[in-house]
């Protein structure tokens, strides 16, 4: 009886530990809400917004992009006429990365 109780308790503790550690095991989360992929921007001024989870470094085309304590980021950038590729890269403290690419066009 005692062995079964201890085994059940140990199983519950392992399950709880796995559930709590899952976000860290999953890696960084990255969502870009604006601009949409293949967006056409008449003025060349682009509002960039999105959110992150479990991120230690966030970059846009290799340059650091600041985010708040909730993981939300927002920036306004100006692009020249033609096509531009935006590469968002999020990395966690364990070195795992997530990348999202957006293409915009300024006529």
N, C-alpha and C. Protein backbone atom coordinates (compact mmCIF):
# COMPACT_ATOMS: atom_id res chain seq x y z
N UNK A 1 0.82 -1.20 0.00
CA UNK A 1 0.00 0.00 0.00
C UNK A 1 0.86 1.26 0.00
N UNK A 2 1.89 1.28 0.86
CA UNK A 2 2.77 2.44 0.95
C UNK A 2 3.55 2.65 -0.34
N UNK A 3 3.98 1.54 -0.95
CA UNK A 3 4.73 1.65 -2.22
C UNK A 3 3.86 2.27 -3.31
N UNK A 4 2.61 1.85 -3.38
CA UNK A 4 1.70 2.40 -4.40
C UNK A 4 1.44 3.88 -4.16
N UNK A 5 1.29 4.26 -2.92
CA UNK A 5 1.06 5.66 -2.59
C UNK A 5 2.28 6.51 -2.95
N UNK A 6 3.47 6.02 -2.62
CA UNK A 6 4.70 6.75 -2.97
C UNK A 6 4.89 6.82 -4.48
N UNK A 7 4.61 5.72 -5.18
CA UNK A 7 4.72 5.71 -6.64
C UNK A 7 3.73 6.68 -7.27
N UNK A 8 2.51 6.72 -6.76
CA UNK A 8 1.51 7.67 -7.27
C UNK A 8 1.91 9.11 -7.01
N UNK A 9 2.44 9.37 -5.81
CA UNK A 9 2.88 10.72 -5.48
C UNK A 9 4.05 11.15 -6.34
N UNK A 10 5.00 10.24 -6.56
CA UNK A 10 6.15 10.54 -7.43
C UNK A 10 5.69 10.81 -8.86
N UNK A 11 4.73 10.02 -9.34
CA UNK A 11 4.20 10.23 -10.69
C UNK A 11 3.53 11.59 -10.82
N UNK A 12 2.77 11.98 -9.82
CA UNK A 12 2.12 13.29 -9.84
C UNK A 12 3.15 14.42 -9.82
N UNK A 13 4.20 14.28 -9.04
CA UNK A 13 5.25 15.30 -8.99
C UNK A 13 5.97 15.41 -10.33
N UNK A 14 6.25 14.29 -10.96
CA UNK A 14 6.90 14.33 -12.28
C UNK A 14 6.00 14.96 -13.33
N UNK A 15 4.73 14.63 -13.30
CA UNK A 15 3.78 15.23 -14.24
C UNK A 15 3.67 16.73 -14.02
N UNK A 16 3.59 17.15 -12.77
CA UNK A 16 3.52 18.57 -12.46
C UNK A 16 4.79 19.30 -12.93
N UNK A 17 5.94 18.70 -12.69
CA UNK A 17 7.20 19.30 -13.14
C UNK A 17 7.25 19.44 -14.65
N UNK A 18 6.78 18.43 -15.37
CA UNK A 18 6.76 18.50 -16.83
C UNK A 18 5.82 19.59 -17.31
N UNK A 19 4.64 19.69 -16.71
CA UNK A 19 3.67 20.73 -17.10
C UNK A 19 4.25 22.12 -16.86
N UNK A 20 4.91 22.33 -15.74
CA UNK A 20 5.49 23.63 -15.44
C UNK A 20 6.68 23.95 -16.33
N UNK A 21 7.44 22.94 -16.73
CA UNK A 21 8.64 23.16 -17.55
C UNK A 21 8.33 23.23 -19.04
N UNK A 22 7.13 22.84 -19.45
CA UNK A 22 6.82 22.78 -20.88
C UNK A 22 7.08 24.08 -21.64
N UNK A 23 6.68 25.25 -21.14
CA UNK A 23 6.98 26.47 -21.90
C UNK A 23 8.48 26.68 -22.13
N UNK A 24 9.31 26.32 -21.18
CA UNK A 24 10.75 26.46 -21.36
C UNK A 24 11.28 25.41 -22.33
N UNK A 25 10.73 24.22 -22.30
CA UNK A 25 11.16 23.17 -23.22
C UNK A 25 10.73 23.45 -24.65
N UNK A 26 9.61 24.13 -24.81
CA UNK A 26 9.06 24.43 -26.13
C UNK A 26 9.93 25.43 -26.89
N UNK A 27 10.57 26.35 -26.20
CA UNK A 27 11.40 27.34 -26.86
C UNK A 27 10.72 28.70 -26.95
N UNK A 28 11.36 29.66 -27.61
CA UNK A 28 10.81 31.01 -27.67
C UNK A 28 9.59 31.09 -28.58
N UNK A 29 8.67 31.97 -28.21
CA UNK A 29 7.49 32.22 -29.03
C UNK A 29 7.59 33.60 -29.67
N UNK A 30 7.17 33.70 -30.91
CA UNK A 30 7.24 34.96 -31.64
C UNK A 30 6.02 35.08 -32.53
N UNK A 31 5.34 36.23 -32.45
CA UNK A 31 4.19 36.51 -33.31
C UNK A 31 4.31 37.94 -33.81
N UNK A 32 4.23 38.12 -35.12
CA UNK A 32 4.28 39.44 -35.74
C UNK A 32 2.87 39.76 -36.23
N UNK A 33 2.25 40.79 -35.63
CA UNK A 33 0.89 41.14 -36.01
C UNK A 33 0.84 42.15 -37.15
N UNK A 34 1.87 42.97 -37.29
CA UNK A 34 1.95 43.93 -38.39
C UNK A 34 3.41 44.17 -38.71
N UNK A 35 3.77 44.28 -39.94
CA UNK A 35 2.95 44.29 -41.14
C UNK A 35 2.60 42.87 -41.58
N UNK A 36 1.57 42.78 -42.39
CA UNK A 36 1.20 41.50 -42.97
C UNK A 36 2.22 41.14 -44.05
N UNK A 37 2.36 39.86 -44.31
CA UNK A 37 3.29 39.43 -45.35
C UNK A 37 2.80 39.90 -46.72
N UNK A 38 3.70 40.37 -47.54
CA UNK A 38 3.43 40.90 -48.88
C UNK A 38 2.54 42.14 -48.84
N UNK A 39 2.68 42.95 -47.78
CA UNK A 39 1.89 44.17 -47.65
C UNK A 39 2.46 45.25 -48.57
N UNK A 40 1.58 46.06 -49.12
CA UNK A 40 1.97 47.22 -49.91
C UNK A 40 1.77 48.46 -49.04
N UNK A 41 2.84 49.24 -48.89
CA UNK A 41 2.81 50.41 -48.01
C UNK A 41 3.06 51.65 -48.88
N UNK A 42 2.04 52.47 -49.04
CA UNK A 42 2.12 53.62 -49.93
C UNK A 42 3.16 54.65 -49.49
N UNK A 43 3.22 54.94 -48.18
CA UNK A 43 4.08 56.01 -47.69
C UNK A 43 5.50 55.56 -47.38
N UNK A 44 5.71 54.26 -47.22
CA UNK A 44 7.03 53.77 -46.84
C UNK A 44 7.24 53.74 -45.34
N UNK A 45 6.28 54.27 -44.58
CA UNK A 45 6.38 54.27 -43.12
C UNK A 45 5.58 53.06 -42.62
N UNK A 46 6.28 52.17 -41.93
CA UNK A 46 5.68 50.90 -41.51
C UNK A 46 5.63 50.82 -40.00
N UNK A 47 4.45 50.51 -39.47
CA UNK A 47 4.29 50.25 -38.04
C UNK A 47 4.50 48.75 -37.83
N UNK A 48 5.47 48.40 -37.00
CA UNK A 48 5.80 47.01 -36.72
C UNK A 48 5.34 46.68 -35.31
N UNK A 49 4.50 45.65 -35.17
CA UNK A 49 4.00 45.25 -33.85
C UNK A 49 3.98 43.73 -33.75
N UNK A 50 4.03 43.26 -32.51
CA UNK A 50 3.97 41.82 -32.28
C UNK A 50 4.20 41.50 -30.82
N UNK A 51 4.41 40.24 -30.56
CA UNK A 51 4.63 39.80 -29.19
C UNK A 51 5.57 38.61 -29.12
N UNK A 52 6.16 38.41 -27.95
CA UNK A 52 7.09 37.32 -27.73
C UNK A 52 6.80 36.65 -26.40
N UNK A 53 7.28 35.43 -26.26
CA UNK A 53 7.25 34.73 -24.97
C UNK A 53 8.56 33.99 -24.80
N UNK A 54 9.08 34.01 -23.59
CA UNK A 54 10.31 33.31 -23.22
C UNK A 54 11.48 33.67 -24.16
N UNK A 55 11.68 34.97 -24.37
CA UNK A 55 12.72 35.46 -25.26
C UNK A 55 13.75 36.25 -24.47
N UNK A 56 15.03 36.05 -24.80
CA UNK A 56 16.07 36.86 -24.19
C UNK A 56 16.64 37.87 -25.19
N UNK A 57 16.59 37.54 -26.49
CA UNK A 57 17.09 38.45 -27.52
C UNK A 57 16.10 38.47 -28.68
N UNK A 58 15.74 39.68 -29.11
CA UNK A 58 14.85 39.86 -30.26
C UNK A 58 15.52 40.80 -31.24
N UNK A 59 15.62 40.38 -32.50
CA UNK A 59 16.26 41.23 -33.50
C UNK A 59 15.36 41.36 -34.73
N UNK A 60 15.55 42.47 -35.43
CA UNK A 60 14.90 42.72 -36.71
C UNK A 60 16.01 43.03 -37.70
N UNK A 61 16.21 42.16 -38.67
CA UNK A 61 17.30 42.28 -39.64
C UNK A 61 18.65 42.44 -38.94
N UNK A 62 18.84 41.74 -37.85
CA UNK A 62 20.11 41.75 -37.13
C UNK A 62 20.26 42.84 -36.10
N UNK A 63 19.38 43.83 -36.08
CA UNK A 63 19.45 44.93 -35.12
C UNK A 63 18.51 44.62 -33.95
N UNK A 64 18.93 44.94 -32.72
CA UNK A 64 18.08 44.64 -31.57
C UNK A 64 16.73 45.37 -31.67
N UNK A 65 15.69 44.68 -31.26
CA UNK A 65 14.35 45.24 -31.23
C UNK A 65 13.87 45.14 -29.79
N UNK A 66 13.48 46.27 -29.21
CA UNK A 66 13.11 46.30 -27.80
C UNK A 66 11.69 45.78 -27.60
N UNK A 67 11.50 45.09 -26.48
CA UNK A 67 10.18 44.58 -26.11
C UNK A 67 9.94 44.88 -24.64
N UNK A 68 8.66 44.99 -24.25
CA UNK A 68 8.35 45.33 -22.85
C UNK A 68 8.28 44.08 -21.98
N UNK A 69 7.93 44.27 -20.71
CA UNK A 69 7.93 43.16 -19.77
C UNK A 69 6.87 42.11 -20.08
N UNK A 70 5.88 42.48 -20.87
CA UNK A 70 4.85 41.52 -21.30
C UNK A 70 5.25 40.80 -22.58
N UNK A 71 6.37 41.19 -23.19
CA UNK A 71 6.83 40.58 -24.43
C UNK A 71 6.33 41.27 -25.68
N UNK A 72 5.57 42.37 -25.53
CA UNK A 72 5.05 43.10 -26.69
C UNK A 72 6.10 44.04 -27.24
N UNK A 73 6.15 44.16 -28.58
CA UNK A 73 7.06 45.11 -29.19
C UNK A 73 6.32 45.95 -30.22
N UNK A 74 6.84 47.16 -30.43
CA UNK A 74 6.25 48.10 -31.36
C UNK A 74 7.34 49.05 -31.84
N UNK A 75 7.36 49.30 -33.13
CA UNK A 75 8.36 50.19 -33.70
C UNK A 75 7.82 50.76 -35.00
N UNK A 76 8.30 51.93 -35.37
CA UNK A 76 7.94 52.53 -36.64
C UNK A 76 9.22 52.70 -37.45
N UNK A 77 9.20 52.22 -38.68
CA UNK A 77 10.39 52.30 -39.54
C UNK A 77 9.99 52.84 -40.91
N UNK A 78 10.96 53.44 -41.56
CA UNK A 78 10.77 53.97 -42.91
C UNK A 78 11.59 53.13 -43.88
N UNK A 79 10.98 52.77 -45.01
CA UNK A 79 11.65 51.94 -46.00
C UNK A 79 11.67 52.65 -47.34
N UNK A 80 12.71 52.41 -48.15
CA UNK A 80 12.79 53.03 -49.48
C UNK A 80 11.85 52.34 -50.45
N UNK A 81 11.68 52.94 -51.63
CA UNK A 81 10.82 52.36 -52.66
C UNK A 81 11.38 51.00 -53.06
N UNK A 82 10.45 50.11 -53.36
CA UNK A 82 10.85 48.76 -53.77
C UNK A 82 10.44 47.74 -52.72
N UNK A 83 11.03 46.58 -52.84
CA UNK A 83 10.70 45.48 -51.96
C UNK A 83 11.70 45.39 -50.82
N UNK A 84 11.23 45.09 -49.63
CA UNK A 84 12.09 44.94 -48.46
C UNK A 84 11.69 43.67 -47.72
N UNK A 85 12.68 42.99 -47.19
CA UNK A 85 12.45 41.78 -46.41
C UNK A 85 12.77 42.06 -44.96
N UNK A 86 11.81 41.76 -44.08
CA UNK A 86 11.99 41.93 -42.64
C UNK A 86 12.17 40.56 -42.02
N UNK A 87 13.28 40.34 -41.34
CA UNK A 87 13.55 39.06 -40.70
C UNK A 87 13.58 39.26 -39.20
N UNK A 88 12.57 38.73 -38.52
CA UNK A 88 12.47 38.79 -37.07
C UNK A 88 13.07 37.50 -36.52
N UNK A 89 13.97 37.65 -35.53
CA UNK A 89 14.60 36.47 -34.93
C UNK A 89 14.52 36.59 -33.41
N UNK A 90 13.94 35.59 -32.77
CA UNK A 90 13.85 35.55 -31.32
C UNK A 90 14.67 34.37 -30.81
N UNK A 91 15.46 34.60 -29.76
CA UNK A 91 16.27 33.54 -29.17
C UNK A 91 16.03 33.51 -27.67
N UNK A 92 16.00 32.31 -27.11
CA UNK A 92 15.86 32.20 -25.67
C UNK A 92 17.24 32.04 -25.03
N UNK A 93 17.27 31.92 -23.72
CA UNK A 93 18.55 31.86 -23.02
C UNK A 93 19.29 30.55 -23.23
N UNK A 94 18.64 29.56 -23.84
CA UNK A 94 19.28 28.29 -24.13
C UNK A 94 19.79 28.21 -25.56
N UNK A 95 19.63 29.30 -26.34
CA UNK A 95 20.13 29.36 -27.70
C UNK A 95 19.16 28.87 -28.77
N UNK A 96 17.96 28.49 -28.39
CA UNK A 96 16.98 28.07 -29.39
C UNK A 96 16.38 29.31 -30.03
N UNK A 97 16.13 29.24 -31.33
CA UNK A 97 15.66 30.42 -32.06
C UNK A 97 14.36 30.13 -32.82
N UNK A 98 13.65 31.21 -33.08
CA UNK A 98 12.46 31.21 -33.93
C UNK A 98 12.60 32.39 -34.88
N UNK A 99 12.30 32.16 -36.15
CA UNK A 99 12.45 33.21 -37.15
C UNK A 99 11.15 33.38 -37.93
N UNK A 100 10.76 34.63 -38.15
CA UNK A 100 9.61 34.96 -38.99
C UNK A 100 10.08 35.99 -40.02
N UNK A 101 9.69 35.78 -41.26
CA UNK A 101 10.07 36.69 -42.34
C UNK A 101 8.82 37.32 -42.94
N UNK A 102 8.89 38.63 -43.14
CA UNK A 102 7.81 39.37 -43.79
C UNK A 102 8.42 40.14 -44.98
N UNK A 103 7.67 40.21 -46.06
CA UNK A 103 8.07 40.98 -47.23
C UNK A 103 7.08 42.12 -47.40
N UNK A 104 7.62 43.33 -47.59
CA UNK A 104 6.76 44.48 -47.83
C UNK A 104 7.17 45.15 -49.13
N UNK A 105 6.26 45.91 -49.70
CA UNK A 105 6.55 46.60 -50.95
C UNK A 105 6.12 48.05 -50.83
N UNK A 106 7.02 48.94 -51.22
CA UNK A 106 6.73 50.39 -51.25
C UNK A 106 6.74 50.80 -52.72
N UNK A 107 5.57 51.21 -53.27
CA UNK A 107 5.50 51.57 -54.70
C UNK A 107 6.20 52.89 -55.00
